[in-house]
Structures are given as C-alpha cells and as structure tokens.
Amino acid sequence: MSLWPVNDKAGRLFMQFFYAHLDAGPAAAVRMAQLDMVAKTEYKQPVYWAGYAYSGDPTAGAWRKAAPAPASGAGESVVTPTCVELTTHREDGTYNLMMTYRVRIAGAVRRSASSAERVVYDLLPPASDLERSSAMSVNHGPPQDNPEVHVASHSNFPVSLTIERTKDGSALYVREYVAEGDQRYKPQTVTLITLKGGPAVFPTFDIPTAFPAVSSYTEASVSRGTDAGSLEKIDRVAACPAQR
C-alpha cells in the first residue's frame, strides 16, 4: 500500500521493481524496489518511493505463487517473475565460443498483438530484459569469460515475446529488435530465440513461469541478424542461477 498519492510514472516503475524482487518476499521486495528507485531512476527523492509499505506477513510465500495481478496501462498485466537461461556453443578449430542468453521477465508486460493462433507481449524494462554474455576456450582449456555483457535495454533495443499455438504444435520466440524509425542498425531483428515443440510444450498463451528442458523441443536455436552462419543450436534451457 502507499501512505500518500504518488506520481503515476514513478508508481509504475516502483511496481515493476517490486515484482522483479518478489521472490525475496513482499517486505524485502518493497525495500529493494525503494533502493532501485534511488539508484536507477530520476525519481530519487523520498516523496516518490518512501510512502510504500507492506502490511502483513513479511515472509508470505503465497505471494510468490499468486496469479498475475492487473497493472495500470492499456493491455498491461503484471506477471510472475521468471528468468530463463539458454546456452549455445560453436567450435572453430581450436576455439570454442560459448554464449549465454538470459531472458528476465517480471513486472508489467504489454500484450501488443493477439489472434487465434498468436499472442505478442512487449517485455518492459527495467524489470524485463535480455542479456547476452560469452566465454571462449582454446584447445579445450578452461573458458575465459568476456567481461562485456550485452543488455538489450542499455542499447535501447525493445524485446518482445511471442507465443504461437496450433493443433499440431506450439512455439515461443524472444525477439530483440530495432524500434521502428531507428536508423542506427540494419537488419531490424538483432537477436531471435526460437523454441518449438508439440502442443503440450506451451499449452496456453500465458507467459510460462518455467521452461521445459532442451530435449522437449523439436527446434531450439538462436540467430542474430540476417547472417545464416550466426544460427546457434541451443544446448541447454534452465532457470537462471540464483547468484551470478
């Protein structure tokens, strides 16, 4: 609850941070969201965030499993926090390049398109984002991490999540792309994650709270741009580690 009226935009950001931290418990999520407001937004003054307080059991586990609650904004809803990690590797002679993609989904998402067989969600930063990191090994030696991590929102690249369902199969796509009218980059799609399988793999149009293992898919790949040689086969699909 809020102890006094707050700015609409500041309130929306606060709730995105809050739901992103909800796995820690509601009381802790309030405190972490307040810290995020100070560190990551223009709404640093206490008037924008100090009025939020949690009333109830601070360790209430039911919050973590609650159904998505409505959020402000047309076509928007708040989702259960989810983070999925996908890994790929490519060998080129003595070199082995390993890529890690993390899709973080939390806070508010916006349903931007819908049909009988397809639903598209816009994943809204900062609570939701796509990260890409890499490591390389030489002659099967220990991998050396690349310190640079690509984060879609840091480059102002939007990210969408699409679920398709037919009687014969289902698919989920995560797309990082260049916004309409942005002339910085071509092609428009920067990264495309593809997960395809039978109808039971993605049984509804809801954003999944857990992703099946890689063996469940008939296709699991990542492509970047239009370079056909950039197609990477996904080796592993799992929940993100608790600590990075």
C-alpha atoms as a PDB file:
ATOM      1  CA  MET A   1       0.000   0.000   0.000  1.00  0.00           C
ATOM      2  CA  SER A   2       1.001   3.663  -0.393  1.00  0.00           C
ATOM      3  CA  LEU A   3       0.759   6.114   2.503  1.00  0.00           C
ATOM      4  CA  TRP A   4       0.185   9.083   0.147  1.00  0.00           C
ATOM      5  CA  PRO A   5      -0.607   9.722  -3.529  1.00  0.00           C
ATOM      6  CA  VAL A   6       2.357   9.181  -5.858  1.00  0.00           C
ATOM      7  CA  ASN A   7       3.297  10.231  -9.381  1.00  0.00           C
ATOM      8  CA  ASP A   8       1.792   7.781 -11.927  1.00  0.00           C
ATOM      9  CA  LYS A   9       5.040   7.109 -13.803  1.00  0.00           C
ATOM     10  CA  ALA A  10       7.037   6.751 -10.585  1.00  0.00           C
ATOM     11  CA  GLY A  11       4.391   4.384  -9.236  1.00  0.00           C
ATOM     12  CA  ARG A  12       4.560   2.206 -12.330  1.00  0.00           C
ATOM     13  CA  LEU A  13       8.365   1.965 -12.105  1.00  0.00           C
ATOM     14  CA  PHE A  14       8.176   1.145  -8.415  1.00  0.00           C
ATOM     15  CA  MET A  15       5.750  -1.722  -9.054  1.00  0.00           C
ATOM     16  CA  GLN A  16       7.958  -3.127 -11.813  1.00  0.00           C
ATOM     17  CA  PHE A  17      10.918  -3.176  -9.407  1.00  0.00           C
ATOM     18  CA  PHE A  18       8.728  -4.617  -6.644  1.00  0.00           C
ATOM     19  CA  TYR A  19       7.527  -7.581  -8.722  1.00  0.00           C
ATOM     20  CA  ALA A  20      11.053  -8.194 -10.021  1.00  0.00           C
ATOM     21  CA  HIS A  21      12.188  -8.776  -6.404  1.00  0.00           C
ATOM     22  CA  LEU A  22       9.097 -10.599  -5.139  1.00  0.00           C
ATOM     23  CA  ASP A  23      10.867 -13.946  -4.777  1.00  0.00           C
ATOM     24  CA  ALA A  24      12.654 -12.427  -1.775  1.00  0.00           C
ATOM     25  CA  GLY A  25       9.302 -11.883  -0.026  1.00  0.00           C
ATOM     26  CA  PRO A  26       6.998  -8.844  -0.158  1.00  0.00           C
ATOM     27  CA  ALA A  27       8.604  -6.863   2.674  1.00  0.00           C
ATOM     28  CA  ALA A  28      12.100  -7.282   1.216  1.00  0.00           C
ATOM     29  CA  ALA A  29      10.781  -6.540  -2.271  1.00  0.00           C
ATOM     30  CA  VAL A  30       9.467  -3.157  -1.082  1.00  0.00           C
ATOM     31  CA  ARG A  31      12.866  -2.234   0.357  1.00  0.00           C
ATOM     32  CA  MET A  32      14.784  -3.381  -2.736  1.00  0.00           C
ATOM     33  CA  ALA A  33      12.370  -1.511  -5.007  1.00  0.00           C
ATOM     34  CA  GLN A  34      12.971   1.645  -2.980  1.00  0.00           C
ATOM     35  CA  LEU A  35      16.723   1.229  -3.438  1.00  0.00           C
ATOM     36  CA  ASP A  36      16.215   0.681  -7.182  1.00  0.00           C
ATOM     37  CA  MET A  37      14.216   3.908  -7.424  1.00  0.00           C
ATOM     38  CA  VAL A  38      17.153   5.833  -5.943  1.00  0.00           C
ATOM     39  CA  ALA A  39      19.858   4.059  -7.954  1.00  0.00           C
ATOM     40  CA  LYS A  40      18.212   3.571 -11.353  1.00  0.00           C
ATOM     41  CA  THR A  41      15.607   6.290 -11.959  1.00  0.00           C
ATOM     42  CA  GLU A  42      15.105  10.035 -11.940  1.00  0.00           C
ATOM     43  CA  TYR A  43      12.671   9.665  -9.030  1.00  0.00           C
ATOM     44  CA  LYS A  44      15.319   9.704  -6.310  1.00  0.00           C
ATOM     45  CA  GLN A  45      13.503  11.941  -3.821  1.00  0.00           C
ATOM     46  CA  PRO A  46      11.744  10.070  -0.958  1.00  0.00           C
ATOM     47  CA  VAL A  47       8.393  11.613  -1.878  1.00  0.00           C
ATOM     48  CA  TYR A  48       8.277   9.224  -4.867  1.00  0.00           C
ATOM     49  CA  TRP A  49       9.014   5.967  -3.025  1.00  0.00           C
ATOM     50  CA  ALA A  50       9.102   6.328   0.768  1.00  0.00           C
ATOM     51  CA  GLY A  51       5.312   6.120   1.031  1.00  0.00           C
ATOM     52  CA  TYR A  52       5.208   2.441   0.072  1.00  0.00           C
ATOM     53  CA  ALA A  53       4.842  -0.042   2.906  1.00  0.00           C
ATOM     54  CA  TYR A  54       3.892  -3.707   3.190  1.00  0.00           C
ATOM     55  CA  SER A  55       1.236  -4.734   5.694  1.00  0.00           C
ATOM     56  CA  GLY A  56       1.092  -8.430   6.516  1.00  0.00           C
ATOM     57  CA  ASP A  57       3.346 -11.446   6.971  1.00  0.00           C
ATOM     58  CA  PRO A  58       6.740 -10.308   5.560  1.00  0.00           C
ATOM     59  CA  THR A  59       7.646 -13.877   4.542  1.00  0.00           C
ATOM     60  CA  ALA A  60       4.297 -14.771   2.999  1.00  0.00           C
ATOM     61  CA  GLY A  61       5.171 -17.487   0.486  1.00  0.00           C
ATOM     62  CA  ALA A  62       1.767 -17.263  -1.158  1.00  0.00           C
ATOM     63  CA  TRP A  63       2.861 -14.052  -2.849  1.00  0.00           C
ATOM     64  CA  ARG A  64       5.427 -15.935  -4.894  1.00  0.00           C
ATOM     65  CA  LYS A  65       2.767 -18.224  -6.345  1.00  0.00           C
ATOM     66  CA  ALA A  66      -0.045 -15.697  -6.728  1.00  0.00           C
ATOM     67  CA  ALA A  67      -1.812 -15.349 -10.054  1.00  0.00           C
ATOM     68  CA  PRO A  68      -0.744 -12.329 -12.128  1.00  0.00           C
ATOM     69  CA  ALA A  69      -2.376  -9.136 -10.905  1.00  0.00           C
ATOM     70  CA  PRO A  70      -3.636  -6.359 -13.148  1.00  0.00           C
ATOM     71  CA  ALA A  71      -1.425  -3.318 -13.691  1.00  0.00           C
ATOM     72  CA  SER A  72      -2.102   0.185 -14.919  1.00  0.00           C
ATOM     73  CA  GLY A  73      -1.887   0.887 -18.636  1.00  0.00           C
ATOM     74  CA  ALA A  74      -3.847  -0.378 -21.610  1.00  0.00           C
ATOM     75  CA  GLY A  75      -3.204  -4.056 -22.345  1.00  0.00           C
ATOM     76  CA  GLU A  76      -0.736  -4.412 -19.488  1.00  0.00           C
ATOM     77  CA  SER A  77      -0.558  -7.052 -16.772  1.00  0.00           C
ATOM     78  CA  VAL A  78       1.890  -7.985 -14.035  1.00  0.00           C
ATOM     79  CA  VAL A  79       3.494 -11.399 -14.421  1.00  0.00           C
ATOM     80  CA  THR A  80       5.113 -13.845 -12.038  1.00  0.00           C
ATOM     81  CA  PRO A  81       8.887 -13.190 -12.114  1.00  0.00           C
ATOM     82  CA  THR A  82      10.676 -15.640 -14.403  1.00  0.00           C
ATOM     83  CA  CYS A  83      14.254 -15.894 -15.647  1.00  0.00           C
ATOM     84  CA  VAL A  84      15.368 -18.481 -18.204  1.00  0.00           C
ATOM     85  CA  GLU A  85      18.974 -19.129 -19.246  1.00  0.00           C
ATOM     86  CA  LEU A  86      19.871 -20.604 -22.640  1.00  0.00           C
ATOM     87  CA  THR A  87      23.373 -21.636 -23.677  1.00  0.00           C
ATOM     88  CA  THR A  88      24.966 -22.357 -27.043  1.00  0.00           C
ATOM     89  CA  HIS A  89      28.468 -23.185 -28.244  1.00  0.00           C
ATOM     90  CA  ARG A  90      30.318 -23.150 -31.528  1.00  0.00           C
ATOM     91  CA  GLU A  91      33.666 -24.781 -32.251  1.00  0.00           C
ATOM     92  CA  ASP A  92      36.032 -23.353 -34.852  1.00  0.00           C
ATOM     93  CA  GLY A  93      39.262 -25.298 -34.962  1.00  0.00           C
ATOM     94  CA  THR A  94      40.977 -24.882 -31.623  1.00  0.00           C
ATOM     95  CA  TYR A  95      38.467 -22.283 -30.406  1.00  0.00           C
ATOM     96  CA  ASN A  96      35.193 -22.969 -28.596  1.00  0.00           C
ATOM     97  CA  LEU A  97      32.834 -19.982 -28.239  1.00  0.00           C
ATOM     98  CA  MET A  98      30.146 -20.347 -25.591  1.00  0.00           C
ATOM     99  CA  MET A  99      27.196 -17.939 -25.479  1.00  0.00           C
ATOM    100  CA  THR A 100      24.748 -17.450 -22.622  1.00  0.00           C
ATOM    101  CA  TYR A 101      21.387 -15.726 -23.083  1.00  0.00           C
ATOM    102  CA  ARG A 102      19.255 -14.733 -20.107  1.00  0.00           C
ATOM    103  CA  VAL A 103      15.652 -13.660 -20.547  1.00  0.00           C
ATOM    104  CA  ARG A 104      14.343 -11.898 -17.449  1.00  0.00           C
ATOM    105  CA  ILE A 105      10.571 -11.422 -17.276  1.00  0.00           C
ATOM    106  CA  ALA A 106       8.995  -9.535 -14.384  1.00  0.00           C
ATOM    107  CA  GLY A 107       6.811  -6.586 -13.531  1.00  0.00           C
ATOM    108  CA  ALA A 108       4.479  -5.320 -16.221  1.00  0.00           C
ATOM    109  CA  VAL A 109       4.242  -6.720 -19.749  1.00  0.00           C
ATOM    110  CA  ARG A 110       2.083  -5.385 -22.566  1.00  0.00           C
ATOM    111  CA  ARG A 111       0.041  -7.560 -24.937  1.00  0.00           C
ATOM    112  CA  SER A 112       0.680  -5.755 -28.221  1.00  0.00           C
ATOM    113  CA  ALA A 113      -0.920  -8.199 -30.700  1.00  0.00           C
ATOM    114  CA  SER A 114      -3.321 -11.107 -30.474  1.00  0.00           C
ATOM    115  CA  SER A 115      -5.018 -13.590 -32.804  1.00  0.00           C
ATOM    116  CA  ALA A 116      -6.466 -17.089 -32.608  1.00  0.00           C
ATOM    117  CA  GLU A 117      -3.009 -18.659 -33.008  1.00  0.00           C
ATOM    118  CA  ARG A 118      -0.578 -15.974 -31.870  1.00  0.00           C
ATOM    119  CA  VAL A 119      -0.018 -13.558 -28.975  1.00  0.00           C
ATOM    120  CA  VAL A 120       2.788 -10.983 -28.768  1.00  0.00           C
ATOM    121  CA  TYR A 121       3.954  -9.444 -25.491  1.00  0.00           C
ATOM    122  CA  ASP A 122       6.228  -6.411 -25.141  1.00  0.00           C
ATOM    123  CA  LEU A 123       8.699  -7.026 -22.300  1.00  0.00           C
ATOM    124  CA  LEU A 124       9.096  -3.714 -20.490  1.00  0.00           C
ATOM    125  CA  PRO A 125      12.416  -2.703 -18.915  1.00  0.00           C
ATOM    126  CA  PRO A 126      13.846  -2.374 -16.362  1.00  0.00           C
ATOM    127  CA  ALA A 127      12.094  -5.382 -14.784  1.00  0.00           C
ATOM    128  CA  SER A 128      12.250  -7.407 -18.031  1.00  0.00           C
ATOM    129  CA  ASP A 129      15.290  -7.602 -20.292  1.00  0.00           C
ATOM    130  CA  LEU A 130      17.510  -9.769 -22.479  1.00  0.00           C
ATOM    131  CA  GLU A 131      21.188 -10.271 -21.627  1.00  0.00           C
ATOM    132  CA  ARG A 132      23.909 -11.864 -23.728  1.00  0.00           C
ATOM    133  CA  SER A 133      27.362 -12.878 -22.464  1.00  0.00           C
ATOM    134  CA  SER A 134      30.147 -15.032 -23.842  1.00  0.00           C
ATOM    135  CA  ALA A 135      33.199 -17.075 -22.934  1.00  0.00           C
ATOM    136  CA  MET A 136      35.908 -18.714 -25.028  1.00  0.00           C
ATOM    137  CA  SER A 137      38.234 -21.659 -24.526  1.00  0.00           C
ATOM    138  CA  VAL A 138      41.298 -22.605 -26.554  1.00  0.00           C
ATOM    139  CA  ASN A 139      42.388 -26.201 -27.112  1.00  0.00           C
ATOM    140  CA  HIS A 140      39.661 -27.398 -24.715  1.00  0.00           C
ATOM    141  CA  GLY A 141      41.160 -25.356 -21.907  1.00  0.00           C
ATOM    142  CA  PRO A 142      39.177 -23.585 -19.192  1.00  0.00           C
ATOM    143  CA  PRO A 143      36.755 -20.955 -20.559  1.00  0.00           C
ATOM    144  CA  GLN A 144      37.685 -17.305 -20.229  1.00  0.00           C
ATOM    145  CA  ASP A 145      34.716 -15.016 -19.633  1.00  0.00           C
ATOM    146  CA  ASN A 146      34.273 -11.908 -21.738  1.00  0.00           C
ATOM    147  CA  PRO A 147      33.688  -9.082 -19.215  1.00  0.00           C
ATOM    148  CA  GLU A 148      31.334  -7.284 -21.611  1.00  0.00           C
ATOM    149  CA  VAL A 149      27.656  -8.198 -21.205  1.00  0.00           C
ATOM    150  CA  HIS A 150      25.159  -7.003 -23.791  1.00  0.00           C
ATOM    151  CA  VAL A 151      21.857  -5.832 -22.277  1.00  0.00           C
ATOM    152  CA  ALA A 152      19.074  -5.008 -24.738  1.00  0.00           C
ATOM    153  CA  SER A 153      17.679  -2.041 -22.808  1.00  0.00           C
ATOM    154  CA  HIS A 154      21.136  -0.456 -22.478  1.00  0.00           C
ATOM    155  CA  SER A 155      21.201  -0.207 -26.287  1.00  0.00           C
ATOM    156  CA  ASN A 156      17.559   0.940 -26.394  1.00  0.00           C
ATOM    157  CA  PHE A 157      16.549  -2.270 -28.183  1.00  0.00           C
ATOM    158  CA  PRO A 158      12.975  -3.384 -27.415  1.00  0.00           C
ATOM    159  CA  VAL A 159      12.312  -7.057 -26.617  1.00  0.00           C
ATOM    160  CA  SER A 160       9.141  -8.992 -27.411  1.00  0.00           C
ATOM    161  CA  LEU A 161       7.939 -12.486 -26.533  1.00  0.00           C
ATOM    162  CA  THR A 162       5.623 -14.294 -28.954  1.00  0.00           C
ATOM    163  CA  ILE A 163       3.670 -17.492 -28.308  1.00  0.00           C
ATOM    164  CA  GLU A 164       2.183 -19.385 -31.245  1.00  0.00           C
ATOM    165  CA  ARG A 165      -0.195 -22.333 -30.906  1.00  0.00           C
ATOM    166  CA  THR A 166      -1.827 -24.618 -33.483  1.00  0.00           C
ATOM    167  CA  LYS A 167      -3.379 -28.080 -33.249  1.00  0.00           C
ATOM    168  CA  ASP A 168      -0.050 -29.569 -34.371  1.00  0.00           C
ATOM    169  CA  GLY A 169       2.468 -27.632 -32.310  1.00  0.00           C
ATOM    170  CA  SER A 170       3.476 -24.630 -30.251  1.00  0.00           C
ATOM    171  CA  ALA A 171       6.385 -22.185 -30.272  1.00  0.00           C
ATOM    172  CA  LEU A 172       7.855 -19.337 -28.270  1.00  0.00           C
ATOM    173  CA  TYR A 173      10.043 -16.609 -29.735  1.00  0.00           C
ATOM    174  CA  VAL A 174      12.035 -13.935 -27.899  1.00  0.00           C
ATOM    175  CA  ARG A 175      12.993 -11.122 -30.270  1.00  0.00           C
ATOM    176  CA  GLU A 176      15.386  -8.243 -29.637  1.00  0.00           C
ATOM    177  CA  TYR A 177      14.924  -5.685 -32.366  1.00  0.00           C
ATOM    178  CA  VAL A 178      15.476  -2.147 -33.590  1.00  0.00           C
ATOM    179  CA  ALA A 179      12.450   0.050 -32.981  1.00  0.00           C
ATOM    180  CA  GLU A 180      10.512   1.390 -35.965  1.00  0.00           C
ATOM    181  CA  GLY A 181      12.168   4.543 -37.290  1.00  0.00           C
ATOM    182  CA  ASP A 182      15.515   3.861 -35.590  1.00  0.00           C
ATOM    183  CA  GLN A 183      18.092   4.046 -38.375  1.00  0.00           C
ATOM    184  CA  ARG A 184      21.130   3.015 -36.313  1.00  0.00           C
ATOM    185  CA  TYR A 185      21.168  -0.631 -37.297  1.00  0.00           C
ATOM    186  CA  LYS A 186      20.090  -2.965 -40.049  1.00  0.00           C
ATOM    187  CA  PRO A 187      18.522  -5.545 -40.067  1.00  0.00           C
ATOM    188  CA  GLN A 188      15.672  -4.840 -37.703  1.00  0.00           C
ATOM    189  CA  THR A 189      15.976  -8.113 -35.770  1.00  0.00           C
ATOM    190  CA  VAL A 190      19.071  -8.141 -33.560  1.00  0.00           C
ATOM    191  CA  THR A 191      18.544 -11.463 -31.745  1.00  0.00           C
ATOM    192  CA  LEU A 192      15.876 -14.138 -32.215  1.00  0.00           C
ATOM    193  CA  ILE A 193      15.477 -17.047 -29.784  1.00  0.00           C
ATOM    194  CA  THR A 194      13.288 -19.854 -31.149  1.00  0.00           C
ATOM    195  CA  LEU A 195      11.780 -22.702 -29.106  1.00  0.00           C
ATOM    196  CA  LYS A 196       9.398 -25.051 -30.959  1.00  0.00           C
ATOM    197  CA  GLY A 197       7.683 -28.268 -29.931  1.00  0.00           C
ATOM    198  CA  GLY A 198       4.424 -30.144 -29.690  1.00  0.00           C
ATOM    199  CA  PRO A 199       1.145 -28.608 -28.486  1.00  0.00           C
ATOM    200  CA  ALA A 200       1.925 -29.507 -24.861  1.00  0.00           C
ATOM    201  CA  VAL A 201       5.248 -27.634 -24.757  1.00  0.00           C
ATOM    202  CA  PHE A 202       3.477 -24.273 -24.487  1.00  0.00           C
ATOM    203  CA  PRO A 203      -0.078 -25.307 -23.612  1.00  0.00           C
ATOM    204  CA  THR A 204      -1.512 -21.782 -23.193  1.00  0.00           C
ATOM    205  CA  PHE A 205      -0.880 -18.238 -24.391  1.00  0.00           C
ATOM    206  CA  ASP A 206       0.280 -17.220 -20.907  1.00  0.00           C
ATOM    207  CA  ILE A 207       3.958 -16.416 -20.412  1.00  0.00           C
ATOM    208  CA  PRO A 208       5.394 -19.593 -18.842  1.00  0.00           C
ATOM    209  CA  THR A 209       6.748 -19.480 -15.315  1.00  0.00           C
ATOM    210  CA  ALA A 210       9.056 -22.411 -16.117  1.00  0.00           C
ATOM    211  CA  PHE A 211      10.546 -23.621 -19.399  1.00  0.00           C
ATOM    212  CA  PRO A 212      10.875 -27.284 -20.432  1.00  0.00           C
ATOM    213  CA  ALA A 213      14.337 -28.801 -20.808  1.00  0.00           C
ATOM    214  CA  VAL A 214      16.038 -28.561 -24.191  1.00  0.00           C
ATOM    215  CA  SER A 215      15.137 -32.173 -25.051  1.00  0.00           C
ATOM    216  CA  SER A 216      11.449 -31.159 -25.167  1.00  0.00           C
ATOM    217  CA  TYR A 217      11.847 -29.057 -28.320  1.00  0.00           C
ATOM    218  CA  THR A 218      11.922 -30.014 -31.969  1.00  0.00           C
ATOM    219  CA  GLU A 219      13.837 -26.791 -32.628  1.00  0.00           C
ATOM    220  CA  ALA A 220      15.843 -24.711 -30.163  1.00  0.00           C
ATOM    221  CA  SER A 221      18.047 -22.066 -31.745  1.00  0.00           C
ATOM    222  CA  VAL A 222      19.341 -18.503 -31.605  1.00  0.00           C
ATOM    223  CA  SER A 223      20.012 -16.319 -34.629  1.00  0.00           C
ATOM    224  CA  ARG A 224      21.466 -12.830 -34.806  1.00  0.00           C
ATOM    225  CA  GLY A 225      20.773 -10.515 -37.737  1.00  0.00           C
ATOM    226  CA  THR A 226      20.382 -11.995 -41.214  1.00  0.00           C
ATOM    227  CA  ASP A 227      23.700 -13.870 -41.275  1.00  0.00           C
ATOM    228  CA  ALA A 228      22.751 -17.514 -41.831  1.00  0.00           C
ATOM    229  CA  GLY A 229      26.057 -18.529 -40.290  1.00  0.00           C
ATOM    230  CA  SER A 230      25.005 -16.972 -36.998  1.00  0.00           C
ATOM    231  CA  LEU A 231      22.408 -19.685 -36.284  1.00  0.00           C
ATOM    232  CA  GLU A 232      23.307 -21.292 -32.966  1.00  0.00           C
ATOM    233  CA  LYS A 233      21.816 -24.539 -31.647  1.00  0.00           C
ATOM    234  CA  ILE A 234      20.747 -24.232 -28.017  1.00  0.00           C
ATOM    235  CA  ASP A 235      22.452 -26.805 -25.772  1.00  0.00           C
ATOM    236  CA  ARG A 236      20.667 -26.078 -22.512  1.00  0.00           C
ATOM    237  CA  VAL A 237      17.485 -24.417 -21.240  1.00  0.00           C
ATOM    238  CA  ALA A 238      17.197 -23.890 -17.476  1.00  0.00           C
ATOM    239  CA  ALA A 239      16.194 -21.423 -14.804  1.00  0.00           C
ATOM    240  CA  CYS A 240      18.727 -18.671 -14.218  1.00  0.00           C
ATOM    241  CA  PRO A 241      21.080 -19.318 -11.293  1.00  0.00           C
ATOM    242  CA  ALA A 242      20.149 -17.564  -8.075  1.00  0.00           C
ATOM    243  CA  GLN A 243      23.524 -15.846  -7.916  1.00  0.00           C
ATOM    244  CA  ARG A 244      25.538 -14.579 -10.866  1.00  0.00           C
END
